[in-house]
Amino acid sequence: MVYAEFAIGFATLADCDREIEQFDLTHADISRQAAFRAAQAYKLYRRAGGSRSNVLADFLIGGHAAALEIPLLTRDASRFRTYFPELELIAPQGA
């Protein structure tokens, strides 16, 4: 999901991959455990009145980080704190 969001800014796969190579990133497939955790958090979000807008990807990202027990870099810390309290978040000041 993160790759897809990042790739929007590039004309070709090669251009996108070349840009990503500049960072120390790891590509990881999402597990069923991560997808299930995302679904549970998304269900809580919808029950709390959350919209059906394109936020499911955020929950998949949160579920993935939770399942791998890795920190998550985000500008939307409040949503992740609410639905993934177990996550260590790295967020800009005020996020």
Protein backbone atom coordinates (compact mmCIF):
# COMPACT_ATOMS: atom_id res chain seq x y z
CA MET A 1 0.00 0.00 0.00
CA VAL A 2 2.76 2.44 0.86
CA TYR A 3 4.52 1.60 -2.41
CA ALA A 4 1.33 2.30 -4.35
CA GLU A 5 0.86 5.66 -2.65
CA PHE A 6 4.51 6.58 -3.28
CA ALA A 7 4.44 5.36 -6.91
CA ILE A 8 1.73 7.82 -7.91
CA GLY A 9 4.41 10.47 -8.42
CA PHE A 10 6.38 8.50 -11.04
CA ALA A 11 5.85 7.71 -14.71
CA THR A 12 7.61 4.33 -14.66
CA LEU A 13 8.30 1.49 -12.26
CA ALA A 14 12.04 1.94 -12.84
CA ASP A 15 11.88 5.64 -11.88
CA CYS A 16 9.99 4.80 -8.71
CA ASP A 17 12.37 2.00 -7.72
CA ARG A 18 15.40 4.19 -8.43
CA GLU A 19 14.04 6.81 -6.02
CA ILE A 20 13.27 4.22 -3.34
CA GLU A 21 16.80 2.81 -3.56
CA GLN A 22 18.05 6.06 -2.03
CA PHE A 23 16.42 5.09 1.28
CA ASP A 24 17.14 2.19 3.60
CA LEU A 25 13.74 0.55 3.15
CA THR A 26 12.54 -3.02 3.38
CA HIS A 27 9.72 -4.42 1.28
CA ALA A 28 7.51 -6.81 3.23
CA ASP A 29 4.42 -8.68 2.11
CA ILE A 30 1.38 -8.27 4.35
CA SER A 31 0.49 -11.34 6.41
CA ARG A 32 -2.98 -12.64 7.19
CA GLN A 33 -2.34 -11.67 10.83
CA ALA A 34 -1.64 -8.08 9.77
CA ALA A 35 -4.68 -7.95 7.48
CA PHE A 36 -6.89 -9.33 10.27
CA ARG A 37 -5.58 -6.75 12.76
CA ALA A 38 -6.30 -4.04 10.17
CA ALA A 39 -9.85 -5.31 9.67
CA GLN A 40 -10.54 -5.25 13.42
CA ALA A 41 -9.27 -1.67 13.74
CA TYR A 42 -11.23 -0.58 10.66
CA LYS A 43 -14.40 -2.15 12.10
CA LEU A 44 -13.95 -0.09 15.31
CA TYR A 45 -13.40 3.03 13.18
CA ARG A 46 -16.62 2.45 11.20
CA ARG A 47 -18.62 1.72 14.37
CA ALA A 48 -17.35 5.02 15.79
CA GLY A 49 -18.82 6.83 12.78
CA GLY A 50 -15.76 6.86 10.54
CA SER A 51 -16.41 7.46 6.85
CA ARG A 52 -15.96 4.92 4.09
CA SER A 53 -13.44 7.12 2.31
CA ASN A 54 -10.10 5.71 1.18
CA VAL A 55 -8.73 5.04 4.65
CA LEU A 56 -8.65 1.23 4.59
CA ALA A 57 -5.07 1.40 3.29
CA ASP A 58 -4.09 3.28 6.46
CA PHE A 59 -5.54 0.47 8.55
CA LEU A 60 -3.67 -2.14 6.49
CA ILE A 61 -0.46 -0.19 7.05
CA GLY A 62 -1.17 0.01 10.80
CA GLY A 63 -2.05 -3.67 10.97
CA HIS A 64 1.14 -4.57 9.13
CA ALA A 65 3.30 -2.51 11.49
CA ALA A 66 1.50 -3.96 14.51
CA ALA A 67 1.95 -7.55 13.32
CA LEU A 68 5.66 -6.98 12.66
CA GLU A 69 6.04 -5.00 15.91
CA ILE A 70 7.88 -2.21 14.11
CA PRO A 71 7.63 1.59 14.48
CA LEU A 72 5.42 3.49 12.06
CA LEU A 73 6.28 6.86 10.53
CA THR A 74 3.08 8.89 10.06
CA ARG A 75 1.59 12.36 9.89
CA ASP A 76 -1.76 10.98 11.14
CA ALA A 77 -0.67 9.97 14.63
CA SER A 78 -4.08 10.49 16.24
CA ARG A 79 -5.79 7.82 14.12
CA PHE A 80 -3.01 5.31 14.70
CA ARG A 81 -2.92 6.06 18.46
CA THR A 82 -6.67 5.44 18.64
CA TYR A 83 -6.88 2.21 16.66
CA PHE A 84 -3.37 0.79 17.12
CA PRO A 85 -2.36 1.79 20.65
CA GLU A 86 0.34 -0.89 20.69
CA LEU A 87 2.30 0.82 17.90
CA GLU A 88 5.38 2.91 18.45
CA LEU A 89 4.78 6.00 16.32
CA ILE A 90 7.31 8.34 14.77
CA ALA A 91 5.46 11.53 13.97
CA PRO A 92 6.38 15.14 13.22
CA GLN A 93 5.85 17.61 16.05
CA GLY A 94 2.15 18.34 16.43
CA ALA A 95 0.95 15.31 14.44
